[in-house]
Amino acid sequence: MLTIRFLRQGKKHQPFFKIVVVEKHRSPTSGKFIEEIGFYNPITKERRINKERALYWIKMGADISDSVYNLLITEKIISGTKRAVHSKKKKKEEPQAEKEGVGETQESEVKEEKEEEVKEETKETKEEKETKEENKEEAEEEPKEEVKEEEKEESKETPKEEDKSEEETKQDEGEAKQETPDKSEEENKQS
């Protein structure tokens, strides 16, 4: 089986295409072709096609690639509508009910439900933020109250300890005074 297609030539970023008749199973880059019927330079938009040879190979049953087919239509060698060259993404098949229009109301209902859910979520997040802020404020107030209570307790305990320590120091001084005279008495006895 034969096909008419482009054979890329040229340098990197400087393409130049030969329009060739080639066996369909051959690789586009193999370089082996039956006949060259024209060329196309996409940079300069220059193109030349041998109309007689192109029509001959089409009559002989050669297939035409989509890009070459569109080029032949542009050059008015053949007539028809252009083919879609770029591949399109395949859409998932939708149920037939949606295609008939029944699904339109369902789609609008689904959209409305989603919008309501989003509104509810935003309300919930606002409420959660408010409760978190309140908890933070309460948590900040509680430690202050606890610190004040602890300071009061410490202030009550410290005078008692100070009083005790003063009494103890007085007693210790008194004992020291008592000990010193005893020592002096003992020294007097020894001398």
Foldseek 3Di string as FASTA:
>chain_A
DKAWDWQWDDDVVFTKTFTFIADPVDDSPPPDGDGTFWIAGPVVRDIDGNLVVVVVVVVVPHHYDLVVVQVCCVVVSDHDDHDDDDDDDDDDDDDVCVVVPNCVVVVVVVVVVVVVVVVVVVVVVVVVVVVVVVVVVVVVVVVVVVVVVVVVVVVVPVVVVVVVVVVVVVVVVVVVVVVVVVVVVVVVVVD
